[in-house]
Amino acid sequence: MIKVTKAASPPPSLLQDYVESLAEPQELYMEEQVNAGKTFSIGDEAYGVILDRVLVEFFVAESNRQNIVDYLDHIMIKGNATRIRARKLAAKRIDCH
């Protein structure tokens, strides 16, 4: 069972991995959106940040990438999100079969 909890901020180890995975620094606009959003985490496996029903940041630990679609679904539902604007998701295709 996947347990999504509301958190004050992303788990530090995941946040560090996310920042290191970026090819370039995150734009100020997106950073402000992330800072204003609500964080939802799945332990130290994944996190998402939602602002005004929009997922603005999402990251899954490398060791759990096989669960990316399930984690995305659970975070979107828990955060009542209806749209995605997360940079990493825009850059990658997720096979949702």
N, C-alpha and C. Protein backbone atom coordinates (compact mmCIF):
# COMPACT_ATOMS: atom_id res chain seq x y z
N MET A 1 0.83 -1.19 0.00
CA MET A 1 0.00 0.00 0.00
C MET A 1 0.88 1.25 0.00
N ILE A 2 0.52 2.20 -0.83
CA ILE A 2 1.28 3.44 -0.94
C ILE A 2 0.66 4.48 -0.01
N LYS A 3 1.49 5.02 0.90
CA LYS A 3 1.01 6.00 1.85
C LYS A 3 1.59 7.37 1.52
N VAL A 4 0.71 8.30 1.16
CA VAL A 4 1.12 9.67 0.85
C VAL A 4 0.81 10.54 2.05
N THR A 5 1.79 11.30 2.50
CA THR A 5 1.58 12.20 3.64
C THR A 5 1.94 13.63 3.26
N LYS A 6 1.26 14.56 3.90
CA LYS A 6 1.58 15.97 3.71
C LYS A 6 2.84 16.26 4.52
N ALA A 7 3.76 17.01 3.93
CA ALA A 7 5.04 17.29 4.60
C ALA A 7 5.34 18.78 4.55
N ALA A 8 6.16 19.22 5.47
CA ALA A 8 6.56 20.63 5.49
C ALA A 8 7.46 20.96 4.30
N SER A 9 8.24 19.97 3.88
CA SER A 9 9.16 20.15 2.75
C SER A 9 9.53 18.77 2.21
N PRO A 10 10.13 18.72 1.03
CA PRO A 10 10.56 17.42 0.49
C PRO A 10 11.61 16.78 1.40
N PRO A 11 11.67 15.45 1.41
CA PRO A 11 12.73 14.78 2.16
C PRO A 11 14.09 15.30 1.66
N PRO A 12 14.99 15.69 2.56
CA PRO A 12 16.27 16.30 2.16
C PRO A 12 17.07 15.48 1.14
N SER A 13 17.12 14.17 1.32
CA SER A 13 17.91 13.36 0.38
C SER A 13 17.29 13.38 -1.02
N LEU A 14 15.96 13.36 -1.11
CA LEU A 14 15.31 13.42 -2.42
C LEU A 14 15.47 14.79 -3.05
N LEU A 15 15.36 15.83 -2.25
CA LEU A 15 15.52 17.18 -2.77
C LEU A 15 16.93 17.37 -3.34
N GLN A 16 17.92 16.86 -2.63
CA GLN A 16 19.30 16.95 -3.11
C GLN A 16 19.46 16.19 -4.43
N ASP A 17 18.88 14.99 -4.50
CA ASP A 17 18.96 14.21 -5.74
C ASP A 17 18.25 14.93 -6.89
N TYR A 18 17.12 15.56 -6.58
CA TYR A 18 16.38 16.30 -7.61
C TYR A 18 17.22 17.45 -8.16
N VAL A 19 17.78 18.24 -7.27
CA VAL A 19 18.58 19.40 -7.68
C VAL A 19 19.78 18.94 -8.51
N GLU A 20 20.42 17.87 -8.08
CA GLU A 20 21.58 17.35 -8.82
C GLU A 20 21.18 16.80 -10.19
N SER A 21 19.92 16.39 -10.35
CA SER A 21 19.48 15.81 -11.62
C SER A 21 19.16 16.87 -12.67
N LEU A 22 19.03 18.12 -12.25
CA LEU A 22 18.68 19.19 -13.20
C LEU A 22 19.87 19.52 -14.09
N ALA A 23 19.61 19.68 -15.37
CA ALA A 23 20.67 20.03 -16.31
C ALA A 23 21.10 21.48 -16.14
N GLU A 24 20.18 22.29 -15.64
CA GLU A 24 20.45 23.72 -15.41
C GLU A 24 19.64 24.16 -14.19
N PRO A 25 19.96 25.29 -13.59
CA PRO A 25 19.20 25.75 -12.43
C PRO A 25 17.72 25.95 -12.75
N GLN A 26 16.91 25.70 -11.75
CA GLN A 26 15.46 25.88 -11.92
C GLN A 26 15.15 27.38 -12.03
N GLU A 27 14.20 27.72 -12.89
CA GLU A 27 13.82 29.11 -13.06
C GLU A 27 13.22 29.67 -11.77
N LEU A 28 13.40 30.95 -11.56
CA LEU A 28 12.88 31.61 -10.36
C LEU A 28 11.37 31.44 -10.26
N TYR A 29 10.67 31.56 -11.38
CA TYR A 29 9.21 31.40 -11.39
C TYR A 29 8.80 30.04 -10.82
N MET A 30 9.46 28.97 -11.28
CA MET A 30 9.12 27.64 -10.78
C MET A 30 9.51 27.49 -9.32
N GLU A 31 10.64 28.06 -8.94
CA GLU A 31 11.08 27.98 -7.55
C GLU A 31 10.07 28.67 -6.62
N GLU A 32 9.54 29.79 -7.05
CA GLU A 32 8.51 30.49 -6.26
C GLU A 32 7.25 29.66 -6.16
N GLN A 33 6.87 28.98 -7.24
CA GLN A 33 5.70 28.11 -7.23
C GLN A 33 5.91 26.96 -6.23
N VAL A 34 7.09 26.38 -6.26
CA VAL A 34 7.40 25.27 -5.36
C VAL A 34 7.36 25.75 -3.90
N ASN A 35 7.95 26.91 -3.63
CA ASN A 35 7.96 27.44 -2.26
C ASN A 35 6.57 27.76 -1.75
N ALA A 36 5.65 28.13 -2.63
CA ALA A 36 4.29 28.47 -2.23
C ALA A 36 3.38 27.25 -2.17
N GLY A 37 3.83 26.12 -2.71
CA GLY A 37 2.99 24.93 -2.80
C GLY A 37 3.00 24.08 -1.54
N LYS A 38 2.20 23.02 -1.60
CA LYS A 38 2.11 22.04 -0.52
C LYS A 38 2.84 20.78 -0.96
N THR A 39 3.68 20.26 -0.08
CA THR A 39 4.47 19.08 -0.38
C THR A 39 3.78 17.82 0.11
N PHE A 40 3.81 16.80 -0.73
CA PHE A 40 3.28 15.49 -0.39
C PHE A 40 4.39 14.49 -0.65
N SER A 41 4.63 13.59 0.31
CA SER A 41 5.73 12.65 0.13
C SER A 41 5.27 11.21 0.34
N ILE A 42 6.03 10.33 -0.25
CA ILE A 42 5.87 8.90 -0.04
C ILE A 42 7.18 8.44 0.57
N GLY A 43 7.26 8.60 1.89
CA GLY A 43 8.49 8.28 2.61
C GLY A 43 9.69 8.95 1.99
N ASP A 44 10.77 8.19 1.86
CA ASP A 44 11.98 8.67 1.19
C ASP A 44 12.05 8.15 -0.24
N GLU A 45 10.86 7.85 -0.81
CA GLU A 45 10.80 7.27 -2.15
C GLU A 45 10.41 8.28 -3.22
N ALA A 46 9.52 9.24 -2.87
CA ALA A 46 9.04 10.20 -3.87
C ALA A 46 8.41 11.40 -3.17
N TYR A 47 8.32 12.50 -3.91
CA TYR A 47 7.58 13.65 -3.40
C TYR A 47 7.02 14.44 -4.57
N GLY A 48 5.99 15.20 -4.27
CA GLY A 48 5.41 16.11 -5.24
C GLY A 48 5.01 17.39 -4.54
N VAL A 49 5.02 18.49 -5.27
CA VAL A 49 4.60 19.78 -4.73
C VAL A 49 3.45 20.26 -5.59
N ILE A 50 2.34 20.62 -4.92
CA ILE A 50 1.12 21.04 -5.62
C ILE A 50 0.74 22.44 -5.18
N LEU A 51 0.44 23.27 -6.17
CA LEU A 51 0.00 24.64 -5.93
C LEU A 51 -1.24 24.88 -6.79
N ASP A 52 -2.32 25.27 -6.15
CA ASP A 52 -3.57 25.57 -6.86
C ASP A 52 -3.98 24.43 -7.80
N ARG A 53 -3.92 23.21 -7.28
CA ARG A 53 -4.34 22.00 -8.01
C ARG A 53 -3.44 21.66 -9.20
N VAL A 54 -2.24 22.23 -9.21
CA VAL A 54 -1.27 21.96 -10.28
C VAL A 54 -0.01 21.35 -9.66
N LEU A 55 0.42 20.21 -10.18
CA LEU A 55 1.67 19.60 -9.74
C LEU A 55 2.81 20.40 -10.35
N VAL A 56 3.62 21.04 -9.50
CA VAL A 56 4.69 21.90 -9.99
C VAL A 56 6.09 21.28 -9.83
N GLU A 57 6.19 20.24 -9.00
CA GLU A 57 7.47 19.53 -8.87
C GLU A 57 7.17 18.11 -8.46
N PHE A 58 7.91 17.17 -9.04
CA PHE A 58 7.71 15.74 -8.76
C PHE A 58 9.04 15.04 -8.94
N PHE A 59 9.37 14.18 -7.99
CA PHE A 59 10.62 13.44 -8.09
C PHE A 59 10.48 12.09 -7.42
N VAL A 60 11.06 11.08 -8.04
CA VAL A 60 11.07 9.72 -7.51
C VAL A 60 12.52 9.26 -7.43
N ALA A 61 12.88 8.66 -6.30
CA ALA A 61 14.24 8.13 -6.13
C ALA A 61 14.53 7.12 -7.23
N GLU A 62 15.77 7.12 -7.68
CA GLU A 62 16.20 6.22 -8.76
C GLU A 62 15.81 4.77 -8.46
N SER A 63 15.95 4.36 -7.22
CA SER A 63 15.68 2.97 -6.84
C SER A 63 14.19 2.62 -6.90
N ASN A 64 13.33 3.61 -7.07
CA ASN A 64 11.89 3.37 -7.10
C ASN A 64 11.24 3.81 -8.41
N ARG A 65 12.02 4.03 -9.44
CA ARG A 65 11.47 4.51 -10.72
C ARG A 65 10.44 3.56 -11.32
N GLN A 66 10.52 2.28 -10.98
CA GLN A 66 9.54 1.34 -11.51
C GLN A 66 8.12 1.65 -11.01
N ASN A 67 8.02 2.44 -9.95
CA ASN A 67 6.72 2.80 -9.36
C ASN A 67 6.28 4.22 -9.74
N ILE A 68 6.94 4.85 -10.68
CA ILE A 68 6.71 6.27 -10.97
C ILE A 68 5.24 6.58 -11.28
N VAL A 69 4.59 5.76 -12.07
CA VAL A 69 3.19 6.05 -12.44
C VAL A 69 2.28 5.93 -11.22
N ASP A 70 2.47 4.88 -10.42
CA ASP A 70 1.65 4.72 -9.21
C ASP A 70 1.88 5.88 -8.25
N TYR A 71 3.13 6.27 -8.05
CA TYR A 71 3.43 7.38 -7.15
C TYR A 71 2.82 8.68 -7.65
N LEU A 72 2.93 8.92 -8.94
CA LEU A 72 2.34 10.12 -9.52
C LEU A 72 0.83 10.14 -9.29
N ASP A 73 0.16 9.03 -9.58
CA ASP A 73 -1.29 8.95 -9.37
C ASP A 73 -1.67 9.23 -7.92
N HIS A 74 -0.98 8.60 -6.99
CA HIS A 74 -1.30 8.77 -5.57
C HIS A 74 -1.08 10.21 -5.09
N ILE A 75 0.00 10.81 -5.51
CA ILE A 75 0.28 12.20 -5.10
C ILE A 75 -0.74 13.15 -5.72
N MET A 76 -1.09 12.93 -6.99
CA MET A 76 -2.09 13.78 -7.64
C MET A 76 -3.44 13.68 -6.92
N ILE A 77 -3.83 12.48 -6.56
CA ILE A 77 -5.12 12.28 -5.88
C ILE A 77 -5.09 12.90 -4.49
N LYS A 78 -4.07 12.61 -3.71
CA LYS A 78 -3.97 13.13 -2.34
C LYS A 78 -3.93 14.66 -2.33
N GLY A 79 -3.23 15.25 -3.31
CA GLY A 79 -3.12 16.71 -3.37
C GLY A 79 -4.23 17.37 -4.17
N ASN A 80 -5.19 16.56 -4.64
CA ASN A 80 -6.33 17.08 -5.40
C ASN A 80 -5.88 17.86 -6.65
N ALA A 81 -4.79 17.40 -7.27
CA ALA A 81 -4.25 18.07 -8.45
C ALA A 81 -4.97 17.59 -9.71
N THR A 82 -5.15 18.51 -10.65
CA THR A 82 -5.81 18.17 -11.91
C THR A 82 -4.92 18.43 -13.12
N ARG A 83 -3.77 19.11 -12.91
CA ARG A 83 -2.86 19.41 -14.01
C ARG A 83 -1.42 19.22 -13.56
N ILE A 84 -0.53 19.13 -14.55
CA ILE A 84 0.89 18.95 -14.28
C ILE A 84 1.68 20.05 -14.99
N ARG A 85 2.56 20.69 -14.23
CA ARG A 85 3.47 21.68 -14.80
C ARG A 85 4.91 21.39 -14.38
N ALA A 86 5.16 20.24 -13.86
CA ALA A 86 6.48 19.88 -13.34
C ALA A 86 7.49 19.77 -14.48
N ARG A 87 8.61 20.40 -14.30
CA ARG A 87 9.64 20.47 -15.34
C ARG A 87 10.15 19.09 -15.74
N LYS A 88 10.46 18.24 -14.79
CA LYS A 88 11.01 16.92 -15.09
C LYS A 88 10.01 16.07 -15.86
N LEU A 89 8.72 16.20 -15.55
CA LEU A 89 7.73 15.41 -16.26
C LEU A 89 7.54 15.93 -17.67
N ALA A 90 7.70 17.21 -17.86
CA ALA A 90 7.58 17.77 -19.20
C ALA A 90 8.73 17.30 -20.08
N ALA A 91 9.87 17.04 -19.47
CA ALA A 91 11.05 16.64 -20.22
C ALA A 91 11.08 15.14 -20.52
N LYS A 92 10.29 14.35 -19.80
CA LYS A 92 10.32 12.90 -19.96
C LYS A 92 8.92 12.40 -20.29
N ARG A 93 8.88 11.34 -21.06
CA ARG A 93 7.59 10.68 -21.31
C ARG A 93 7.43 9.60 -20.27
N ILE A 94 6.22 9.48 -19.77
CA ILE A 94 5.92 8.41 -18.81
C ILE A 94 4.95 7.46 -19.50
N ASP A 95 5.32 6.21 -19.56
CA ASP A 95 4.46 5.21 -20.18
C ASP A 95 3.39 4.83 -19.17
N CYS A 96 2.15 5.20 -19.45
CA CYS A 96 1.05 5.00 -18.50
C CYS A 96 0.16 3.83 -18.90
N HIS A 97 0.71 2.81 -19.55
CA HIS A 97 -0.12 1.65 -19.95
C HIS A 97 -0.46 0.82 -18.74
